[in-house]
Amino acid sequence: MLGFGPTPSDVWGPSSSKVELINNANKSDEEARAARVEFQESISKMQAEYDNKLENLRANYDNKLENLQQQVAMLMQMQQQNYSGQVIQIKWATRLIEVEDGVVAVLSEFLSPWMGSF
């Protein structure tokens, strides 16, 4: 090379042609699109699973709320009928609550896991 030192191709290697560069760019673009589509599909799948779990939780909450309303209505009815001194057993979930005199005491035991103490 006539004494001008190394050329850029000697240092960096041969440069790619425009066709090779365009092909590499298209290949990278296709890979990015495929990754984006895969990501969007996984997000859609997770959203569907989340919606399903949320619907199950709402149904479970509605069932528990309905049971609670029924039992509170029954306790109110018992209070109105004035069942003082008589022992009545109410089954709630896995435990048994005994009602004797005060309905307020029963409600505090009944609701304490959800609302804290009265």
Protein backbone atom coordinates (compact mmCIF):
# COMPACT_ATOMS: atom_id res chain seq x y z
CA MET A 1 0.00 0.00 0.00
CA LEU A 2 2.55 2.61 -0.85
CA GLY A 3 3.42 3.61 2.71
CA PHE A 4 0.08 5.18 3.78
CA GLY A 5 -0.39 2.75 6.68
CA PRO A 6 -3.26 0.34 7.27
CA THR A 7 -6.57 0.95 5.59
CA PRO A 8 -9.88 0.87 7.52
CA SER A 9 -10.69 -2.54 6.05
CA ASP A 10 -7.35 -3.80 7.40
CA VAL A 11 -8.29 -2.61 10.91
CA TRP A 12 -12.06 -3.26 11.03
CA GLY A 13 -12.38 -6.02 8.48
CA PRO A 14 -14.29 -5.92 5.23
CA SER A 15 -17.36 -3.66 5.28
CA SER A 16 -20.77 -5.09 4.52
CA SER A 17 -22.55 -4.25 1.33
CA LYS A 18 -25.83 -2.33 1.30
CA VAL A 19 -27.75 -5.52 0.46
CA GLU A 20 -26.27 -7.32 3.46
CA LEU A 21 -27.06 -4.36 5.73
CA ILE A 22 -30.66 -4.20 4.49
CA ASN A 23 -31.07 -7.98 4.94
CA ASN A 24 -29.67 -7.75 8.49
CA ALA A 25 -32.02 -4.85 9.31
CA ASN A 26 -35.04 -6.75 7.92
CA LYS A 27 -34.06 -9.86 9.87
CA SER A 28 -33.77 -7.84 13.11
CA ASP A 29 -37.11 -6.16 12.40
CA GLU A 30 -38.84 -9.52 11.87
CA GLU A 31 -37.34 -10.87 15.12
CA ALA A 32 -38.54 -7.78 17.00
CA ARG A 33 -42.05 -8.14 15.54
CA ALA A 34 -42.16 -11.82 16.51
CA ALA A 35 -41.03 -11.00 20.05
CA ARG A 36 -43.65 -8.21 20.29
CA VAL A 37 -46.44 -10.54 19.09
CA GLU A 38 -45.35 -13.23 21.55
CA PHE A 39 -45.28 -10.67 24.37
CA GLN A 40 -48.74 -9.36 23.48
CA GLU A 41 -50.11 -12.91 23.41
CA SER A 42 -48.65 -13.64 26.83
CA ILE A 43 -50.13 -10.39 28.19
CA SER A 44 -53.54 -11.32 26.75
CA LYS A 45 -53.31 -14.76 28.33
CA MET A 46 -52.37 -13.31 31.73
CA GLN A 47 -55.23 -10.78 31.47
CA ALA A 48 -57.71 -13.59 30.78
CA GLU A 49 -56.38 -15.57 33.76
CA TYR A 50 -56.60 -12.48 35.96
CA ASP A 51 -60.17 -11.76 34.85
CA ASN A 52 -61.12 -15.39 35.57
CA LYS A 53 -59.57 -15.27 39.06
CA LEU A 54 -61.22 -11.93 39.76
CA GLU A 55 -64.62 -13.28 38.72
CA ASN A 56 -64.13 -16.31 40.99
CA LEU A 57 -63.18 -14.04 43.89
CA ARG A 58 -66.24 -11.86 43.31
CA ALA A 59 -68.53 -14.90 43.20
CA ASN A 60 -66.95 -16.25 46.39
CA TYR A 61 -67.32 -12.85 48.08
CA ASP A 62 -70.95 -12.59 46.97
CA ASN A 63 -71.68 -16.05 48.39
CA LYS A 64 -70.05 -15.21 51.71
CA LEU A 65 -71.82 -11.87 51.85
CA GLU A 66 -75.16 -13.54 51.15
CA ASN A 67 -74.53 -16.09 53.91
CA LEU A 68 -73.58 -13.30 56.29
CA GLN A 69 -76.72 -11.34 55.45
CA GLN A 70 -78.88 -14.40 56.02
CA GLN A 71 -77.28 -15.11 59.38
CA VAL A 72 -77.52 -11.49 60.52
CA ALA A 73 -81.18 -11.48 59.49
CA MET A 74 -81.70 -14.66 61.49
CA LEU A 75 -79.97 -13.11 64.52
CA MET A 76 -82.13 -9.99 64.22
CA GLN A 77 -85.22 -12.15 64.02
CA MET A 78 -84.08 -14.03 67.12
CA GLN A 79 -83.57 -10.75 68.94
CA GLN A 80 -87.03 -9.55 67.96
CA GLN A 81 -88.56 -12.77 69.22
CA ASN A 82 -86.63 -12.30 72.48
CA TYR A 83 -84.89 -15.64 72.90
CA SER A 84 -83.12 -14.70 76.16
CA GLY A 85 -81.54 -17.55 78.07
CA GLN A 86 -82.13 -20.17 75.38
CA VAL A 87 -79.01 -21.65 73.77
CA ILE A 88 -79.04 -21.77 69.97
CA GLN A 89 -76.16 -23.04 67.83
CA ILE A 90 -75.32 -21.44 64.51
CA LYS A 91 -72.86 -23.08 62.16
CA TRP A 92 -70.54 -20.63 60.36
CA ALA A 93 -67.83 -21.99 58.09
CA THR A 94 -65.98 -24.51 60.28
CA ARG A 95 -66.80 -23.24 63.76
CA LEU A 96 -69.89 -23.34 65.94
CA ILE A 97 -71.13 -20.21 67.71
CA GLU A 98 -73.38 -20.45 70.73
CA VAL A 99 -75.91 -17.71 71.21
CA GLU A 100 -77.15 -17.17 74.73
CA ASP A 101 -78.29 -13.71 75.76
CA GLY A 102 -76.82 -10.75 73.94
CA VAL A 103 -77.00 -10.57 70.18
CA VAL A 104 -74.37 -7.79 70.16
CA ALA A 105 -71.87 -10.15 71.79
CA VAL A 106 -72.71 -12.77 69.18
CA LEU A 107 -72.22 -10.28 66.35
CA SER A 108 -68.84 -9.21 67.73
CA GLU A 109 -67.69 -12.85 67.80
CA PHE A 110 -69.33 -13.48 64.45
CA LEU A 111 -67.80 -10.50 62.62
CA SER A 112 -64.47 -10.13 64.43
CA PRO A 113 -62.35 -11.93 61.80
CA TRP A 114 -63.52 -9.42 59.18
CA MET A 115 -64.04 -6.18 61.06
CA GLY A 116 -61.88 -6.41 64.17
CA SER A 117 -63.32 -6.07 67.65
CA PHE A 118 -66.33 -3.86 68.35
